[in-house]
């Protein structure tokens, strides 16, 4: 869904606001020192929540882990918030990606 709805392309074209969320040291042993684990929230041109991603930015500016922004939740074009399932997540009334 994240790729099908071209979330990153839409965010760039429409100048979405990006707000960094939780940030901590990367727990992955294979990543270089200084790599962070960060959640990024994106808001549309009307300041409505659009989606959230997780990534591991490295000190050299590249993205570690999968090498991509990993979506955690998205508000689809249908207006419904979809959440990527996690271990122990009970759904809380949200639809799953």
Protein backbone atom coordinates (compact mmCIF):
# COMPACT_ATOMS: atom_id res chain seq x y z
CA UNK A 1 0.00 0.00 0.00
CA UNK A 2 2.82 2.41 0.88
CA UNK A 3 4.47 1.99 -2.51
CA UNK A 4 1.19 1.67 -4.45
CA UNK A 5 0.02 5.04 -3.14
CA UNK A 6 3.47 6.59 -3.85
CA UNK A 7 3.66 8.08 -0.37
CA UNK A 8 7.22 9.41 -0.65
CA UNK A 9 6.65 10.83 -4.14
CA UNK A 10 3.43 12.50 -3.00
CA UNK A 11 5.19 13.89 0.09
CA UNK A 12 7.90 15.42 -2.10
CA UNK A 13 5.52 16.79 -4.76
CA UNK A 14 3.12 18.33 -2.23
CA UNK A 15 5.72 19.57 0.27
CA UNK A 16 4.55 17.47 3.20
CA UNK A 17 5.92 18.38 6.63
CA UNK A 18 8.28 15.82 8.17
CA UNK A 19 8.55 15.67 11.96
CA UNK A 20 11.19 13.47 13.58
CA UNK A 21 9.82 11.33 16.38
CA UNK A 22 11.53 8.81 18.60
CA UNK A 23 15.28 8.73 17.97
CA UNK A 24 17.81 6.45 19.62
CA UNK A 25 21.09 4.69 18.92
CA UNK A 26 20.76 1.91 16.35
CA UNK A 27 20.68 -1.53 18.03
CA UNK A 28 21.94 -3.41 14.95
CA UNK A 29 25.52 -4.66 15.41
CA UNK A 30 26.24 -4.59 11.67
CA UNK A 31 25.59 -0.83 11.40
CA UNK A 32 28.47 1.65 11.84
CA UNK A 33 28.83 3.70 15.05
CA UNK A 34 26.69 6.84 14.96
CA UNK A 35 23.80 5.17 13.10
CA UNK A 36 20.44 6.18 14.58
CA UNK A 37 17.04 4.51 14.79
CA UNK A 38 14.39 7.13 14.06
CA UNK A 39 10.66 7.42 13.43
CA UNK A 40 9.56 10.13 10.96
CA UNK A 41 5.97 11.39 10.82
CA UNK A 42 4.68 13.09 7.68
CA UNK A 43 1.78 15.55 7.51
CA UNK A 44 0.03 16.65 4.32
CA UNK A 45 -0.40 20.17 2.98
CA UNK A 46 -3.38 20.64 5.35
CA UNK A 47 -1.31 19.43 8.33
CA UNK A 48 -3.26 16.16 8.60
CA UNK A 49 -1.33 13.04 9.57
CA UNK A 50 -0.40 11.12 6.40
CA UNK A 51 2.09 8.37 7.33
CA UNK A 52 4.98 7.33 9.55
CA UNK A 53 8.19 5.53 8.62
CA UNK A 54 11.15 4.07 10.47
CA UNK A 55 14.73 4.18 9.24
CA UNK A 56 18.37 3.85 10.28
CA UNK A 57 20.18 6.98 9.04
CA UNK A 58 23.95 6.46 8.99
CA UNK A 59 26.53 9.18 9.64
CA UNK A 60 27.45 9.17 5.91
CA UNK A 61 23.86 10.08 4.93
CA UNK A 62 22.83 6.66 3.61
CA UNK A 63 20.03 4.56 5.09
CA UNK A 64 21.01 1.39 6.93
CA UNK A 65 19.00 -1.75 7.62
CA UNK A 66 16.88 -2.47 4.55
CA UNK A 67 18.22 0.65 2.82
CA UNK A 68 14.67 2.03 2.60
CA UNK A 69 12.15 3.94 4.66
CA UNK A 70 10.05 1.27 6.34
CA UNK A 71 6.38 2.27 6.76
CA UNK A 72 4.76 1.74 10.15
CA UNK A 73 1.39 3.41 9.46
CA UNK A 74 -0.36 5.23 6.64
CA UNK A 75 -3.65 7.03 6.09
CA UNK A 76 -4.80 5.63 2.77
CA UNK A 77 -6.44 7.61 0.01
CA UNK A 78 -9.67 6.14 1.44
CA UNK A 79 -9.06 8.09 4.71
CA UNK A 80 -8.51 4.94 6.80
CA UNK A 81 -5.38 4.58 8.93
CA UNK A 82 -3.56 1.32 8.26
CA UNK A 83 -0.94 0.07 10.72
CA UNK A 84 1.81 -2.41 9.99
CA UNK A 85 1.31 -5.35 12.36
CA UNK A 86 3.82 -5.85 15.17
CA UNK A 87 4.34 -8.61 17.65
CA UNK A 88 1.67 -8.31 20.35
CA UNK A 89 -0.27 -5.56 18.54
CA UNK A 90 -3.99 -5.97 19.17
CA UNK A 91 -5.21 -3.72 16.38
CA UNK A 92 -6.87 -1.06 18.52
CA UNK A 93 -9.58 -0.50 15.92
CA UNK A 94 -7.10 0.17 13.13
CA UNK A 95 -6.89 -1.75 9.87
CA UNK A 96 -3.67 -3.60 9.14
CA UNK A 97 -1.54 -3.04 6.04
